[in-house]
Protein backbone atom coordinates (compact mmCIF):
# COMPACT_ATOMS: atom_id res chain seq x y z
CA MET A 1 13.74 24.08 2.06
CA LYS A 2 13.13 20.65 0.94
CA THR A 3 10.19 18.66 2.75
CA LYS A 4 11.42 15.76 4.66
CA ILE A 5 9.00 12.01 3.40
CA GLY A 6 9.46 8.99 5.35
CA MET A 7 8.40 6.12 3.81
CA LEU A 8 7.14 3.40 5.21
CA TYR A 9 5.87 0.06 3.21
CA SER A 10 5.33 -3.71 3.63
CA THR A 11 5.08 -6.26 0.66
CA VAL A 12 4.23 -9.88 0.15
CA ASP A 13 5.48 -9.79 -3.95
CA GLY A 14 6.93 -6.78 -4.49
CA GLN A 15 4.56 -4.75 -5.78
CA THR A 16 4.14 -2.67 -3.13
CA LEU A 17 7.73 -1.63 -3.06
CA LYS A 18 7.21 -0.91 -6.77
CA ILE A 19 4.47 1.38 -5.92
CA CYS A 20 6.26 3.23 -3.64
CA ASN A 21 9.23 3.52 -5.67
CA LYS A 22 7.01 5.53 -8.43
CA LEU A 23 5.41 7.02 -5.51
CA LYS A 24 9.24 8.45 -4.68
CA GLU A 25 9.94 9.26 -8.46
CA VAL A 26 7.24 12.04 -8.44
CA LEU A 27 7.83 13.28 -4.95
CA VAL A 28 11.84 13.91 -5.49
CA GLU A 29 11.18 15.30 -8.92
CA ASN A 30 8.79 17.94 -6.95
CA GLY A 31 11.83 18.86 -4.50
CA ASN A 32 11.57 16.47 -1.59
CA GLU A 33 13.73 14.54 0.13
CA VAL A 34 12.02 11.02 0.59
CA GLU A 35 13.47 7.99 2.50
CA LEU A 36 11.83 4.92 2.00
CA PHE A 37 11.67 1.93 5.06
CA SER A 38 10.83 -1.69 5.07
CA ILE A 39 8.26 -2.45 7.98
CA GLU A 40 11.53 -4.24 9.20
CA ASP A 41 13.99 -2.16 8.55
CA PHE A 42 12.49 0.98 9.74
CA ASP A 43 14.92 3.08 12.18
CA LYS A 44 13.63 6.30 12.69
CA LYS A 45 10.68 8.07 14.39
CA VAL A 46 7.66 9.10 12.73
CA THR A 47 8.31 12.43 13.90
CA ASP A 48 11.85 12.66 12.00
CA PHE A 49 9.81 13.53 9.15
CA ASP A 50 7.26 16.40 7.61
CA LYS A 51 4.67 13.82 6.06
CA PHE A 52 4.58 10.32 6.63
CA VAL A 53 3.38 7.49 3.92
CA MET A 54 2.80 4.21 4.29
CA GLY A 55 1.54 1.23 2.26
CA SER A 56 0.77 -2.34 2.61
CA SER A 57 -0.10 -4.92 0.31
CA ILE A 58 -2.62 -7.85 1.14
CA ARG A 59 -2.47 -11.74 1.59
CA TYR A 60 -5.64 -13.79 2.18
CA GLY A 61 -7.90 -10.67 3.46
CA LYS A 62 -5.15 -9.26 5.57
CA HIS A 63 -2.90 -6.48 5.76
CA ASN A 64 0.64 -7.35 7.79
CA SER A 65 0.41 -7.18 11.16
CA LYS A 66 3.34 -5.29 11.19
CA ILE A 67 1.97 -2.28 10.13
CA ILE A 68 -1.35 -2.34 12.39
CA GLU A 69 1.21 -2.87 15.14
CA PHE A 70 3.12 -0.11 14.06
CA ILE A 71 0.57 1.78 14.01
CA ASN A 72 -0.90 1.15 16.92
CA GLN A 73 2.03 2.07 18.84
CA HIS A 74 2.51 5.64 16.73
CA LYS A 75 -0.96 6.82 16.10
CA GLN A 76 0.05 10.04 18.30
CA GLU A 77 3.38 10.31 16.08
CA LEU A 78 1.03 10.39 13.21
CA ASP A 79 -1.55 11.96 14.07
CA ASN A 80 1.07 14.90 14.26
CA THR A 81 2.15 14.21 11.16
CA LYS A 82 0.61 14.78 7.59
CA ASN A 83 0.40 11.24 7.09
CA ALA A 84 -1.83 9.13 4.29
CA PHE A 85 -1.95 5.17 3.72
CA PHE A 86 -2.35 2.99 0.41
CA SER A 87 -3.56 -0.36 0.78
CA VAL A 88 -2.54 -3.31 -2.72
CA ASN A 89 -4.52 -5.82 -3.12
CA LEU A 90 -5.95 -7.75 -5.93
CA VAL A 91 -10.10 -6.98 -5.23
CA ALA A 92 -8.87 -3.57 -5.87
CA ARG A 93 -8.72 -4.94 -10.08
CA LYS A 94 -12.42 -4.14 -10.44
CA SER A 95 -13.43 -0.68 -10.54
CA ASP A 96 -16.21 -0.66 -8.33
CA LYS A 97 -13.84 -1.85 -5.40
CA ASN A 98 -10.70 0.15 -5.62
CA THR A 99 -10.99 3.29 -4.03
CA PRO A 100 -10.98 3.86 0.26
CA GLU A 101 -14.31 4.30 0.60
CA THR A 102 -15.42 0.97 -1.61
CA ASN A 103 -12.69 -1.63 -0.85
CA PRO A 104 -13.68 -4.46 1.86
CA TYR A 105 -9.89 -4.47 2.70
CA PHE A 106 -9.02 -1.11 3.07
CA ILE A 107 -12.98 -0.25 5.20
CA LYS A 108 -11.81 -3.54 7.45
CA PHE A 109 -8.57 -2.36 7.95
CA LEU A 110 -9.71 1.12 9.31
CA LYS A 111 -11.73 -0.90 12.36
CA GLU A 112 -9.01 -3.10 12.89
CA ILE A 113 -7.07 0.29 14.16
CA SER A 114 -7.72 3.26 16.23
CA TRP A 115 -6.23 5.80 13.34
CA ILE A 116 -7.21 7.90 10.38
CA PRO A 117 -5.23 8.19 7.97
CA LYS A 118 -5.24 12.35 6.37
CA LYS A 119 -4.34 10.90 3.08
CA SER A 120 -5.42 7.11 1.49
CA ALA A 121 -5.11 5.61 -1.80
CA VAL A 122 -6.41 1.73 -2.68
CA PHE A 123 -4.05 1.01 -5.42
CA ALA A 124 -4.93 -3.23 -7.79
CA GLY A 125 -1.72 -5.11 -7.19
CA LYS A 126 0.02 -7.59 -9.11
CA LEU A 127 -0.77 -11.62 -10.00
CA ASP A 128 1.84 -13.44 -10.98
CA TYR A 129 1.05 -16.92 -10.42
CA GLN A 130 4.40 -18.38 -11.34
CA LYS A 131 6.09 -16.48 -8.40
CA TYR A 132 4.07 -18.32 -5.61
CA SER A 133 4.18 -20.63 -3.25
CA PHE A 134 2.53 -24.51 -4.19
CA THR A 135 -0.35 -23.39 -1.56
CA ASP A 136 -0.54 -20.04 -2.20
CA ARG A 137 -1.06 -20.45 -5.95
CA LEU A 138 -3.58 -22.86 -5.26
CA MET A 139 -4.99 -20.43 -2.55
CA ILE A 140 -5.56 -17.37 -4.14
CA ARG A 141 -6.22 -19.59 -7.59
CA LEU A 142 -9.97 -20.93 -5.58
CA ILE A 143 -10.48 -16.90 -4.57
CA MET A 144 -9.45 -15.85 -7.79
CA TRP A 145 -12.36 -18.58 -8.96
CA MET A 146 -15.28 -16.78 -6.46
CA THR A 147 -14.05 -13.37 -8.00
CA LYS A 148 -14.27 -14.53 -10.84
CA GLY A 149 -10.68 -13.90 -12.12
CA PRO A 150 -8.27 -15.34 -13.92
CA THR A 151 -7.32 -19.02 -13.03
CA ASP A 152 -4.55 -19.85 -15.48
CA PRO A 153 -1.54 -20.90 -13.50
CA LYS A 154 0.42 -19.13 -16.06
CA THR A 155 -1.62 -15.84 -15.97
CA GLU A 156 0.78 -13.02 -14.57
CA ILE A 157 -1.06 -9.35 -14.88
CA GLU A 158 -0.11 -6.29 -13.87
CA TYR A 159 -3.44 -4.54 -12.22
CA THR A 160 -1.62 -1.43 -11.48
CA ASP A 161 -3.05 1.53 -12.41
CA TRP A 162 0.04 3.62 -12.70
CA ASN A 163 -1.37 6.93 -13.49
CA LYS A 164 -3.46 6.54 -10.49
CA VAL A 165 0.17 5.92 -8.50
CA LYS A 166 1.52 9.92 -9.89
CA LYS A 167 -1.69 10.91 -8.97
CA PHE A 168 -1.33 10.19 -5.69
CA GLY A 169 2.14 11.49 -5.50
CA ILE A 170 1.06 14.85 -6.84
CA VAL A 171 -2.23 14.64 -3.69
CA LEU A 172 1.25 13.32 -1.53
CA ASP A 173 3.53 16.43 -2.53
CA ASN A 174 0.70 19.02 -1.70
CA MET A 175 -0.62 17.54 1.57
């Protein structure tokens, strides 16, 4: 019998969805049935699935408030289901900030919610200044300047470690 996996995501610029699609690819290759939902489109129950995975990107130091609200509203169902959560952020481009134990945004996130995911991961996102609005471009360049990252407005760098994403997919499959 196939394992039914629900995957819920929140993305700002599309990288979290891209990561979800890679995880889905790994899970489907291993014989699982995966349904992927945006936080805006989720219309099922957590308990409709054998496993439930959530991913959210960071913007200005915060995960999407809808993800936090969802977790707080569905804590009991999440606790009763095999579950996982992953965070996508540019700080994770640094090797000393790319795990759930060392990523400041993930640590802060866990303090905001009353749920602890059974499995978790942190992935570096993508920096693409050309894609951002004028205000976002200014703010992200300032943040990058402060964190010694690239500030050239033509910069486009995908920091995501796809091997790490695939390995997390295997962890999810074996959960």
